[in-house]
PDB file of N, CA and C in Angstrom:
ATOM      1  N   MET A   1    -186.218-211.875 127.386  1.00  0.00           N
ATOM      2  CA  MET A   1    -186.462-213.281 127.090  1.00  0.00           C
ATOM      3  C   MET A   1    -187.933-213.591 127.335  1.00  0.00           C
ATOM      4  N   SER A   2    -188.503-214.366 126.479  1.00  0.00           N
ATOM      5  CA  SER A   2    -189.911-214.722 126.614  1.00  0.00           C
ATOM      6  C   SER A   2    -190.048-216.167 127.081  1.00  0.00           C
ATOM      7  N   ILE A   3    -191.226-216.483 127.563  1.00  0.00           N
ATOM      8  CA  ILE A   3    -191.562-217.819 128.028  1.00  0.00           C
ATOM      9  C   ILE A   3    -192.653-218.350 127.113  1.00  0.00           C
ATOM     10  N   LYS A   4    -192.540-219.619 126.753  1.00  0.00           N
ATOM     11  CA  LYS A   4    -193.609-220.265 125.995  1.00  0.00           C
ATOM     12  C   LYS A   4    -194.348-221.207 126.933  1.00  0.00           C
ATOM     13  N   VAL A   5    -195.596-221.446 126.620  1.00  0.00           N
ATOM     14  CA  VAL A   5    -196.380-222.392 127.409  1.00  0.00           C
ATOM     15  C   VAL A   5    -195.612-223.707 127.528  1.00  0.00           C
ATOM     16  N   TYR A   6    -194.947-224.108 126.472  1.00  0.00           N
ATOM     17  CA  TYR A   6    -194.155-225.341 126.445  1.00  0.00           C
ATOM     18  C   TYR A   6    -193.156-225.419 127.594  1.00  0.00           C
ATOM     19  N   ASP A   7    -192.599-224.275 128.005  1.00  0.00           N
ATOM     20  CA  ASP A   7    -191.578-224.245 129.049  1.00  0.00           C
ATOM     21  C   ASP A   7    -192.127-224.558 130.439  1.00  0.00           C
ATOM     22  N   ILE A   8    -193.433-224.389 130.639  1.00  0.00           N
ATOM     23  CA  ILE A   8    -193.974-224.506 131.994  1.00  0.00           C
ATOM     24  C   ILE A   8    -195.188-225.423 132.115  1.00  0.00           C
ATOM     25  N   ALA A   9    -195.599-226.050 130.992  1.00  0.00           N
ATOM     26  CA  ALA A   9    -196.801-226.892 131.031  1.00  0.00           C
ATOM     27  C   ALA A   9    -196.785-227.887 129.881  1.00  0.00           C
ATOM     28  N   HIS A  10    -197.694-228.823 129.932  1.00  0.00           N
ATOM     29  CA  HIS A  10    -197.920-229.695 128.792  1.00  0.00           C
ATOM     30  C   HIS A  10    -199.402-229.658 128.445  1.00  0.00           C
ATOM     31  N   CYS A  11    -199.753-230.200 127.289  1.00  0.00           N
ATOM     32  CA  CYS A  11    -201.128-230.076 126.783  1.00  0.00           C
ATOM     33  C   CYS A  11    -201.660-231.412 126.287  1.00  0.00           C
ATOM     34  N   ARG A  12    -202.964-231.519 126.322  1.00  0.00           N
ATOM     35  CA  ARG A  12    -203.711-232.619 125.710  1.00  0.00           C
ATOM     36  C   ARG A  12    -204.869-231.994 124.955  1.00  0.00           C
ATOM     37  N   THR A  13    -205.217-232.585 123.830  1.00  0.00           N
ATOM     38  CA  THR A  13    -206.233-231.977 122.982  1.00  0.00           C
ATOM     39  C   THR A  13    -207.207-233.011 122.441  1.00  0.00           C
ATOM     40  N   GLY A  14    -208.450-232.563 122.276  1.00  0.00           N
ATOM     41  CA  GLY A  14    -209.464-233.356 121.602  1.00  0.00           C
ATOM     42  C   GLY A  14    -210.287-232.435 120.731  1.00  0.00           C
ATOM     43  N   ASP A  15    -210.719-232.913 119.602  1.00  0.00           N
ATOM     44  CA  ASP A  15    -211.494-232.063 118.710  1.00  0.00           C
ATOM     45  C   ASP A  15    -212.778-232.768 118.323  1.00  0.00           C
ATOM     46  N   LYS A  16    -213.830-231.980 118.250  1.00  0.00           N
ATOM     47  CA  LYS A  16    -215.157-232.473 117.880  1.00  0.00           C
ATOM     48  C   LYS A  16    -215.759-231.486 116.881  1.00  0.00           C
ATOM     49  N   GLY A  17    -215.566-231.759 115.618  1.00  0.00           N
ATOM     50  CA  GLY A  17    -216.115-230.864 114.605  1.00  0.00           C
ATOM     51  C   GLY A  17    -215.485-229.493 114.673  1.00  0.00           C
ATOM     52  N   ARG A  18    -216.306-228.483 114.840  1.00  0.00           N
ATOM     53  CA  ARG A  18    -215.815-227.099 114.842  1.00  0.00           C
ATOM     54  C   ARG A  18    -215.371-226.627 116.218  1.00  0.00           C
ATOM     55  N   THR A  19    -215.314-227.533 117.191  1.00  0.00           N
ATOM     56  CA  THR A  19    -214.913-227.183 118.550  1.00  0.00           C
ATOM     57  C   THR A  19    -213.701-228.007 118.951  1.00  0.00           C
ATOM     58  N   VAL A  20    -212.733-227.355 119.586  1.00  0.00           N
ATOM     59  CA  VAL A  20    -211.555-228.058 120.083  1.00  0.00           C
ATOM     60  C   VAL A  20    -211.426-227.799 121.582  1.00  0.00           C
ATOM     61  N   ASN A  21    -210.995-228.819 122.283  1.00  0.00           N
ATOM     62  CA  ASN A  21    -210.840-228.800 123.721  1.00  0.00           C
ATOM     63  C   ASN A  21    -209.347-228.998 124.010  1.00  0.00           C
ATOM     64  N   ILE A  22    -208.705-228.028 124.674  1.00  0.00           N
ATOM     65  CA  ILE A  22    -207.270-228.119 124.939  1.00  0.00           C
ATOM     66  C   ILE A  22    -207.023-227.955 126.431  1.00  0.00           C
ATOM     67  N   SER A  23    -206.442-228.984 127.032  1.00  0.00           N
ATOM     68  CA  SER A  23    -206.071-228.919 128.442  1.00  0.00           C
ATOM     69  C   SER A  23    -204.621-228.478 128.542  1.00  0.00           C
ATOM     70  N   VAL A  24    -204.358-227.539 129.447  1.00  0.00           N
ATOM     71  CA  VAL A  24    -203.005-227.058 129.715  1.00  0.00           C
ATOM     72  C   VAL A  24    -202.719-227.396 131.174  1.00  0.00           C
ATOM     73  N   ILE A  25    -201.715-228.232 131.411  1.00  0.00           N
ATOM     74  CA  ILE A  25    -201.407-228.700 132.757  1.00  0.00           C
ATOM     75  C   ILE A  25    -200.035-228.171 133.148  1.00  0.00           C
ATOM     76  N   ALA A  26    -200.021-227.293 134.153  1.00  0.00           N
ATOM     77  CA  ALA A  26    -198.766-226.692 134.614  1.00  0.00           C
ATOM     78  C   ALA A  26    -197.907-227.726 135.314  1.00  0.00           C
ATOM     79  N   PHE A  27    -196.590-227.540 135.238  1.00  0.00           N
ATOM     80  CA  PHE A  27    -195.665-228.471 135.873  1.00  0.00           C
ATOM     81  C   PHE A  27    -195.690-228.376 137.399  1.00  0.00           C
ATOM     82  N   ASP A  28    -196.090-227.221 137.936  1.00  0.00           N
ATOM     83  CA  ASP A  28    -196.194-227.081 139.392  1.00  0.00           C
ATOM     84  C   ASP A  28    -197.141-225.931 139.729  1.00  0.00           C
ATOM     85  N   GLU A  29    -197.380-225.723 141.020  1.00  0.00           N
ATOM     86  CA  GLU A  29    -198.357-224.722 141.454  1.00  0.00           C
ATOM     87  C   GLU A  29    -197.952-223.297 141.074  1.00  0.00           C
ATOM     88  N   ALA A  30    -196.675-222.975 141.191  1.00  0.00           N
ATOM     89  CA  ALA A  30    -196.216-221.623 140.837  1.00  0.00           C
ATOM     90  C   ALA A  30    -196.460-221.340 139.353  1.00  0.00           C
ATOM     91  N   LYS A  31    -196.202-222.323 138.521  1.00  0.00           N
ATOM     92  CA  LYS A  31    -196.421-222.147 137.079  1.00  0.00           C
ATOM     93  C   LYS A  31    -197.920-222.054 136.768  1.00  0.00           C
ATOM     94  N   PHE A  32    -198.729-222.765 137.537  1.00  0.00           N
ATOM     95  CA  PHE A  32    -200.187-222.656 137.384  1.00  0.00           C
ATOM     96  C   PHE A  32    -200.638-221.215 137.632  1.00  0.00           C
ATOM     97  N   HIS A  33    -200.127-220.602 138.698  1.00  0.00           N
ATOM     98  CA  HIS A  33    -200.528-219.222 139.010  1.00  0.00           C
ATOM     99  C   HIS A  33    -200.030-218.242 137.949  1.00  0.00           C
ATOM    100  N   TYR A  34    -198.842-218.506 137.396  1.00  0.00           N
ATOM    101  CA  TYR A  34    -198.339-217.675 136.307  1.00  0.00           C
ATOM    102  C   TYR A  34    -199.262-217.794 135.090  1.00  0.00           C
ATOM    103  N   LEU A  35    -199.626-219.023 134.736  1.00  0.00           N
ATOM    104  CA  LEU A  35    -200.535-219.229 133.602  1.00  0.00           C
ATOM    105  C   LEU A  35    -201.892-218.602 133.865  1.00  0.00           C
ATOM    106  N   LYS A  36    -202.357-218.694 135.096  1.00  0.00           N
ATOM    107  CA  LYS A  36    -203.656-218.101 135.446  1.00  0.00           C
ATOM    108  C   LYS A  36    -203.668-216.613 135.132  1.00  0.00           C
ATOM    109  N   GLN A  37    -202.555-215.965 135.359  1.00  0.00           N
ATOM    110  CA  GLN A  37    -202.457-214.523 135.113  1.00  0.00           C
ATOM    111  C   GLN A  37    -202.278-214.197 133.632  1.00  0.00           C
ATOM    112  N   HIS A  38    -201.508-215.004 132.921  1.00  0.00           N
ATOM    113  CA  HIS A  38    -201.100-214.622 131.562  1.00  0.00           C
ATOM    114  C   HIS A  38    -201.761-215.390 130.419  1.00  0.00           C
ATOM    115  N   LEU A  39    -202.169-216.634 130.643  1.00  0.00           N
ATOM    116  CA  LEU A  39    -202.775-217.418 129.563  1.00  0.00           C
ATOM    117  C   LEU A  39    -204.299-217.294 129.658  1.00  0.00           C
ATOM    118  N   THR A  40    -204.785-216.154 129.242  1.00  0.00           N
ATOM    119  CA  THR A  40    -206.205-215.830 129.343  1.00  0.00           C
ATOM    120  C   THR A  40    -206.963-216.332 128.117  1.00  0.00           C
ATOM    121  N   SER A  41    -208.268-216.337 128.224  1.00  0.00           N
ATOM    122  CA  SER A  41    -209.108-216.674 127.069  1.00  0.00           C
ATOM    123  C   SER A  41    -208.835-215.719 125.913  1.00  0.00           C
ATOM    124  N   GLU A  42    -208.633-214.451 126.238  1.00  0.00           N
ATOM    125  CA  GLU A  42    -208.375-213.438 125.208  1.00  0.00           C
ATOM    126  C   GLU A  42    -207.046-213.706 124.498  1.00  0.00           C
ATOM    127  N   LYS A  43    -206.009-214.080 125.262  1.00  0.00           N
ATOM    128  CA  LYS A  43    -204.701-214.380 124.673  1.00  0.00           C
ATOM    129  C   LYS A  43    -204.796-215.591 123.745  1.00  0.00           C
ATOM    130  N   VAL A  44    -205.475-216.631 124.199  1.00  0.00           N
ATOM    131  CA  VAL A  44    -205.625-217.832 123.375  1.00  0.00           C
ATOM    132  C   VAL A  44    -206.436-217.510 122.113  1.00  0.00           C
ATOM    133  N   ALA A  45    -207.518-216.739 122.269  1.00  0.00           N
ATOM    134  CA  ALA A  45    -208.337-216.370 121.113  1.00  0.00           C
ATOM    135  C   ALA A  45    -207.509-215.600 120.085  1.00  0.00           C
ATOM    136  N   LYS A  46    -206.652-214.709 120.547  1.00  0.00           N
ATOM    137  CA  LYS A  46    -205.806-213.930 119.634  1.00  0.00           C
ATOM    138  C   LYS A  46    -204.833-214.838 118.886  1.00  0.00           C
ATOM    139  N   ASP A  47    -204.185-215.742 119.614  1.00  0.00           N
ATOM    140  CA  ASP A  47    -203.204-216.610 118.979  1.00  0.00           C
ATOM    141  C   ASP A  47    -203.843-217.670 118.075  1.00  0.00           C
ATOM    142  N   PHE A  48    -205.084-218.041 118.350  1.00  0.00           N
ATOM    143  CA  PHE A  48    -205.794-219.010 117.524  1.00  0.00           C
ATOM    144  C   PHE A  48    -206.624-218.332 116.427  1.00  0.00           C
ATOM    145  N   SER A  49    -206.655-217.015 116.374  1.00  0.00           N
ATOM    146  CA  SER A  49    -207.531-216.314 115.432  1.00  0.00           C
ATOM    147  C   SER A  49    -207.312-216.665 113.961  1.00  0.00           C
ATOM    148  N   PRO A  50    -206.111-217.031 113.519  1.00  0.00           N
ATOM    149  CA  PRO A  50    -205.989-217.434 112.111  1.00  0.00           C
ATOM    150  C   PRO A  50    -206.760-218.715 111.770  1.00  0.00           C
ATOM    151  N   ILE A  51    -207.055-219.549 112.790  1.00  0.00           N
ATOM    152  CA  ILE A  51    -207.719-220.817 112.498  1.00  0.00           C
ATOM    153  C   ILE A  51    -209.051-220.992 113.218  1.00  0.00           C
ATOM    154  N   ALA A  52    -209.422-220.022 114.086  1.00  0.00           N
ATOM    155  CA  ALA A  52    -210.686-220.151 114.825  1.00  0.00           C
ATOM    156  C   ALA A  52    -211.319-218.784 115.032  1.00  0.00           C
ATOM    157  N   GLU A  53    -212.629-218.735 114.879  1.00  0.00           N
ATOM    158  CA  GLU A  53    -213.364-217.491 115.095  1.00  0.00           C
ATOM    159  C   GLU A  53    -213.681-217.265 116.565  1.00  0.00           C
ATOM    160  N   GLY A  54    -213.688-218.331 117.369  1.00  0.00           N
ATOM    161  CA  GLY A  54    -214.021-218.208 118.780  1.00  0.00           C
ATOM    162  C   GLY A  54    -215.512-218.224 118.974  1.00  0.00           C
ATOM    163  N   PRO A  55    -215.965-218.058 120.183  1.00  0.00           N
ATOM    164  CA  PRO A  55    -215.221-217.603 121.360  1.00  0.00           C
ATOM    165  C   PRO A  55    -214.350-218.706 121.960  1.00  0.00           C
ATOM    166  N   VAL A  56    -213.509-218.284 122.921  1.00  0.00           N
ATOM    167  CA  VAL A  56    -212.670-219.196 123.689  1.00  0.00           C
ATOM    168  C   VAL A  56    -213.086-219.088 125.148  1.00  0.00           C
ATOM    169  N   SER A  57    -213.350-220.232 125.754  1.00  0.00           N
ATOM    170  CA  SER A  57    -213.704-220.278 127.175  1.00  0.00           C
ATOM    171  C   SER A  57    -212.585-220.970 127.935  1.00  0.00           C
ATOM    172  N   ARG A  58    -212.267-220.450 129.126  1.00  0.00           N
ATOM    173  CA  ARG A  58    -211.237-221.066 129.975  1.00  0.00           C
ATOM    174  C   ARG A  58    -211.887-221.560 131.257  1.00  0.00           C
ATOM    175  N   TYR A  59    -211.594-222.805 131.601  1.00  0.00           N
ATOM    176  CA  TYR A  59    -212.081-223.401 132.840  1.00  0.00           C
ATOM    177  C   TYR A  59    -210.873-223.764 133.690  1.00  0.00           C
ATOM    178  N   GLU A  60    -210.900-223.366 134.957  1.00  0.00           N
ATOM    179  CA  GLU A  60    -209.778-223.613 135.857  1.00  0.00           C
ATOM    180  C   GLU A  60    -209.990-224.890 136.661  1.00  0.00           C
ATOM    181  N   LEU A  61    -208.925-225.649 136.803  1.00  0.00           N
ATOM    182  CA  LEU A  61    -208.913-226.859 137.625  1.00  0.00           C
ATOM    183  C   LEU A  61    -207.730-226.742 138.593  1.00  0.00           C
ATOM    184  N   PRO A  62    -207.855-225.902 139.625  1.00  0.00           N
ATOM    185  CA  PRO A  62    -206.705-225.581 140.477  1.00  0.00           C
ATOM    186  C   PRO A  62    -206.103-226.782 141.210  1.00  0.00           C
ATOM    187  N   LYS A  63    -206.905-227.752 141.581  1.00  0.00           N
ATOM    188  CA  LYS A  63    -206.346-228.910 142.291  1.00  0.00           C
ATOM    189  C   LYS A  63    -205.453-229.749 141.385  1.00  0.00           C
ATOM    190  N   LEU A  64    -205.649-229.622 140.082  1.00  0.00           N
ATOM    191  CA  LEU A  64    -204.817-230.329 139.108  1.00  0.00           C
ATOM    192  C   LEU A  64    -203.737-229.428 138.514  1.00  0.00           C
ATOM    193  N   HIS A  65    -203.734-228.149 138.909  1.00  0.00           N
ATOM    194  CA  HIS A  65    -202.834-227.140 138.323  1.00  0.00           C
ATOM    195  C   HIS A  65    -203.036-227.072 136.820  1.00  0.00           C
ATOM    196  N   ALA A  66    -204.307-227.065 136.414  1.00  0.00           N
ATOM    197  CA  ALA A  66    -204.617-227.170 134.985  1.00  0.00           C
ATOM    198  C   ALA A  66    -205.731-226.211 134.566  1.00  0.00           C
ATOM    199  N   PHE A  67    -205.826-226.046 133.271  1.00  0.00           N
ATOM    200  CA  PHE A  67    -206.898-225.272 132.637  1.00  0.00           C
ATOM    201  C   PHE A  67    -207.452-226.102 131.492  1.00  0.00           C
ATOM    202  N   ASN A  68    -208.699-225.890 131.196  1.00  0.00           N
ATOM    203  CA  ASN A  68    -209.306-226.484 130.017  1.00  0.00           C
ATOM    204  C   ASN A  68    -209.826-225.339 129.160  1.00  0.00           C
ATOM    205  N   PHE A  69    -209.319-225.235 127.947  1.00  0.00           N
ATOM    206  CA  PHE A  69    -209.769-224.208 127.009  1.00  0.00           C
ATOM    207  C   PHE A  69    -210.672-224.864 125.973  1.00  0.00           C
ATOM    208  N   VAL A  70    -211.801-224.233 125.706  1.00  0.00           N
ATOM    209  CA  VAL A  70    -212.702-224.685 124.655  1.00  0.00           C
ATOM    210  C   VAL A  70    -212.690-223.600 123.579  1.00  0.00           C
ATOM    211  N   VAL A  71    -212.192-223.964 122.400  1.00  0.00           N
ATOM    212  CA  VAL A  71    -212.086-223.041 121.278  1.00  0.00           C
ATOM    213  C   VAL A  71    -213.173-223.422 120.283  1.00  0.00           C
ATOM    214  N   GLU A  72    -214.080-222.491 120.025  1.00  0.00           N
ATOM    215  CA  GLU A  72    -215.216-222.771 119.149  1.00  0.00           C
ATOM    216  C   GLU A  72    -215.037-222.158 117.764  1.00  0.00           C
ATOM    217  N   ASN A  73    -215.802-222.688 116.828  1.00  0.00           N
ATOM    218  CA  ASN A  73    -215.884-222.178 115.455  1.00  0.00           C
ATOM    219  C   ASN A  73    -214.551-222.208 114.729  1.00  0.00           C
ATOM    220  N   MET A  74    -213.981-223.416 114.676  1.00  0.00           N
ATOM    221  CA  MET A  74    -212.750-223.604 113.909  1.00  0.00           C
ATOM    222  C   MET A  74    -213.048-223.294 112.437  1.00  0.00           C
ATOM    223  N   ARG A  75    -212.152-222.589 111.812  1.00  0.00           N
ATOM    224  CA  ARG A  75    -212.330-222.246 110.401  1.00  0.00           C
ATOM    225  C   ARG A  75    -212.225-223.512 109.550  1.00  0.00           C
ATOM    226  N   GLY A  76    -212.930-223.555 108.467  1.00  0.00           N
ATOM    227  CA  GLY A  76    -212.891-224.704 107.583  1.00  0.00           C
ATOM    228  C   GLY A  76    -213.759-225.861 108.047  1.00  0.00           C
ATOM    229  N   GLY A  77    -214.504-225.667 109.141  1.00  0.00           N
ATOM    230  CA  GLY A  77    -215.425-226.699 109.601  1.00  0.00           C
ATOM    231  C   GLY A  77    -214.869-227.682 110.598  1.00  0.00           C
ATOM    232  N   GLY A  78    -213.599-227.539 110.969  1.00  0.00           N
ATOM    233  CA  GLY A  78    -213.021-228.468 111.921  1.00  0.00           C
ATOM    234  C   GLY A  78    -212.532-229.737 111.262  1.00  0.00           C
ATOM    235  N   VAL A  79    -212.010-230.634 112.083  1.00  0.00           N
ATOM    236  CA  VAL A  79    -211.333-231.825 111.576  1.00  0.00           C
ATOM    237  C   VAL A  79    -212.238-232.733 110.747  1.00  0.00           C
ATOM    238  N   THR A  80    -213.513-232.788 111.052  1.00  0.00           N
ATOM    239  CA  THR A  80    -214.375-233.752 110.365  1.00  0.00           C
ATOM    240  C   THR A  80    -214.715-233.365 108.936  1.00  0.00           C
ATOM    241  N   VAL A  81    -214.590-232.085 108.588  1.00  0.00           N
ATOM    242  CA  VAL A  81    -214.930-231.672 107.226  1.00  0.00           C
ATOM    243  C   VAL A  81    -213.863-230.801 106.563  1.00  0.00           C
ATOM    244  N   SER A  82    -212.836-230.414 107.289  1.00  0.00           N
ATOM    245  CA  SER A  82    -211.832-229.501 106.757  1.00  0.00           C
ATOM    246  C   SER A  82    -210.985-230.161 105.670  1.00  0.00           C
ATOM    247  N   LEU A  83    -210.618-229.384 104.685  1.00  0.00           N
ATOM    248  CA  LEU A  83    -209.686-229.838 103.659  1.00  0.00           C
ATOM    249  C   LEU A  83    -208.254-229.503 104.030  1.00  0.00           C
ATOM    250  N   SER A  84    -208.070-228.807 105.170  1.00  0.00           N
ATOM    251  CA  SER A  84    -206.726-228.475 105.626  1.00  0.00           C
ATOM    252  C   SER A  84    -205.983-229.738 106.031  1.00  0.00           C
ATOM    253  N   GLN A  85    -204.698-229.738 105.771  1.00  0.00           N
ATOM    254  CA  GLN A  85    -203.892-230.902 106.122  1.00  0.00           C
ATOM    255  C   GLN A  85    -203.526-230.864 107.601  1.00  0.00           C
ATOM    256  N   ASP A  86    -203.775-231.939 108.321  1.00  0.00           N
ATOM    257  CA  ASP A  86    -203.369-232.168 109.701  1.00  0.00           C
ATOM    258  C   ASP A  86    -203.721-231.031 110.650  1.00  0.00           C
ATOM    259  N   ILE A  87    -204.957-230.655 110.718  1.00  0.00           N
ATOM    260  CA  ILE A  87    -205.403-229.677 111.705  1.00  0.00           C
ATOM    261  C   ILE A  87    -206.092-230.403 112.867  1.00  0.00           C
ATOM    262  N   HIS A  88    -205.697-231.663 113.047  1.00  0.00           N
ATOM    263  CA  HIS A  88    -206.256-232.466 114.121  1.00  0.00           C
ATOM    264  C   HIS A  88    -205.806-231.949 115.483  1.00  0.00           C
ATOM    265  N   GLY A  89    -206.443-232.453 116.518  1.00  0.00           N
ATOM    266  CA  GLY A  89    -206.198-232.009 117.877  1.00  0.00           C
ATOM    267  C   GLY A  89    -204.747-231.960 118.297  1.00  0.00           C
ATOM    268  N   LYS A  90    -203.976-232.986 117.986  1.00  0.00           N
ATOM    269  CA  LYS A  90    -202.586-233.009 118.445  1.00  0.00           C
ATOM    270  C   LYS A  90    -201.792-231.825 117.905  1.00  0.00           C
ATOM    271  N   SER A  91    -202.009-231.464 116.666  1.00  0.00           N
ATOM    272  CA  SER A  91    -201.280-230.322 116.128  1.00  0.00           C
ATOM    273  C   SER A  91    -201.754-229.022 116.775  1.00  0.00           C
ATOM    274  N   LEU A  92    -203.003-228.975 117.200  1.00  0.00           N
ATOM    275  CA  LEU A  92    -203.509-227.781 117.873  1.00  0.00           C
ATOM    276  C   LEU A  92    -202.895-227.611 119.257  1.00  0.00           C
ATOM    277  N   SER A  93    -202.551-228.711 119.931  1.00  0.00           N
ATOM    278  CA  SER A  93    -201.882-228.580 121.226  1.00  0.00           C
ATOM    279  C   SER A  93    -200.498-227.970 121.039  1.00  0.00           C
ATOM    280  N   TYR A  94    -199.845-228.243 119.909  1.00  0.00           N
ATOM    281  CA  TYR A  94    -198.547-227.623 119.643  1.00  0.00           C
ATOM    282  C   TYR A  94    -198.692-226.118 119.437  1.00  0.00           C
ATOM    283  N   LEU A  95    -199.777-225.703 118.835  1.00  0.00           N
ATOM    284  CA  LEU A  95    -200.041-224.269 118.698  1.00  0.00           C
ATOM    285  C   LEU A  95    -200.201-223.641 120.078  1.00  0.00           C
ATOM    286  N   MET A  96    -200.930-224.294 120.978  1.00  0.00           N
ATOM    287  CA  MET A  96    -201.111-223.788 122.337  1.00  0.00           C
ATOM    288  C   MET A  96    -199.756-223.710 123.056  1.00  0.00           C
ATOM    289  N   MET A  97    -198.948-224.758 122.945  1.00  0.00           N
ATOM    290  CA  MET A  97    -197.654-224.771 123.650  1.00  0.00           C
ATOM    291  C   MET A  97    -196.690-223.734 123.111  1.00  0.00           C
ATOM    292  N   GLY A  98    -196.890-223.280 121.880  1.00  0.00           N
ATOM    293  CA  GLY A  98    -196.018-222.279 121.302  1.00  0.00           C
ATOM    294  C   GLY A  98    -196.396-220.850 121.617  1.00  0.00           C
ATOM    295  N   ILE A  99    -197.488-220.632 122.344  1.00  0.00           N
ATOM    296  CA  ILE A  99    -197.902-219.268 122.691  1.00  0.00           C
ATOM    297  C   ILE A  99    -196.824-218.628 123.550  1.00  0.00           C
ATOM    298  N   VAL A 100    -196.412-217.433 123.168  1.00  0.00           N
ATOM    299  CA  VAL A 100    -195.384-216.685 123.893  1.00  0.00           C
ATOM    300  C   VAL A 100    -196.045-215.835 124.964  1.00  0.00           C
ATOM    301  N   LEU A 101    -195.503-215.925 126.183  1.00  0.00           N
ATOM    302  CA  LEU A 101    -196.022-215.191 127.332  1.00  0.00           C
ATOM    303  C   LEU A 101    -194.967-214.228 127.834  1.00  0.00           C
ATOM    304  N   PRO A 102    -195.380-213.171 128.548  1.00  0.00           N
ATOM    305  CA  PRO A 102    -194.397-212.223 129.057  1.00  0.00           C
ATOM    306  C   PRO A 102    -193.582-212.821 130.204  1.00  0.00           C
ATOM    307  N   GLU A 103    -192.369-212.345 130.341  1.00  0.00           N
ATOM    308  CA  GLU A 103    -191.553-212.767 131.460  1.00  0.00           C
ATOM    309  C   GLU A 103    -192.086-212.126 132.729  1.00  0.00           C
ATOM    310  N   ASN A 104    -191.982-212.825 133.826  1.00  0.00           N
ATOM    311  CA  ASN A 104    -192.495-212.284 135.093  1.00  0.00           C
ATOM    312  C   ASN A 104    -191.588-211.251 135.668  1.00  0.00           C
TER     313      ASN A 104
END
């Protein structure tokens, strides 16, 4: 059985042109430590590779049990110039929440 980010955290997203900012907030401290181990910049970059060239940077906010991911170089120019339908920030948080992680 696999775990999705959705099962252990929630997300908030903002997008600015070709860069998207996605916060992942764990439901508790144990889930934060699990995400710290498994939801790496490399994992996010791989799962976002169809829509972003990267790089992906991860910033830890341990007191909030959260991470902030910055995904750069969105394909198609990002929300402000893209012809893609609904690639806005909110839909990108759903992509983050759908990332499959290994079971512990």
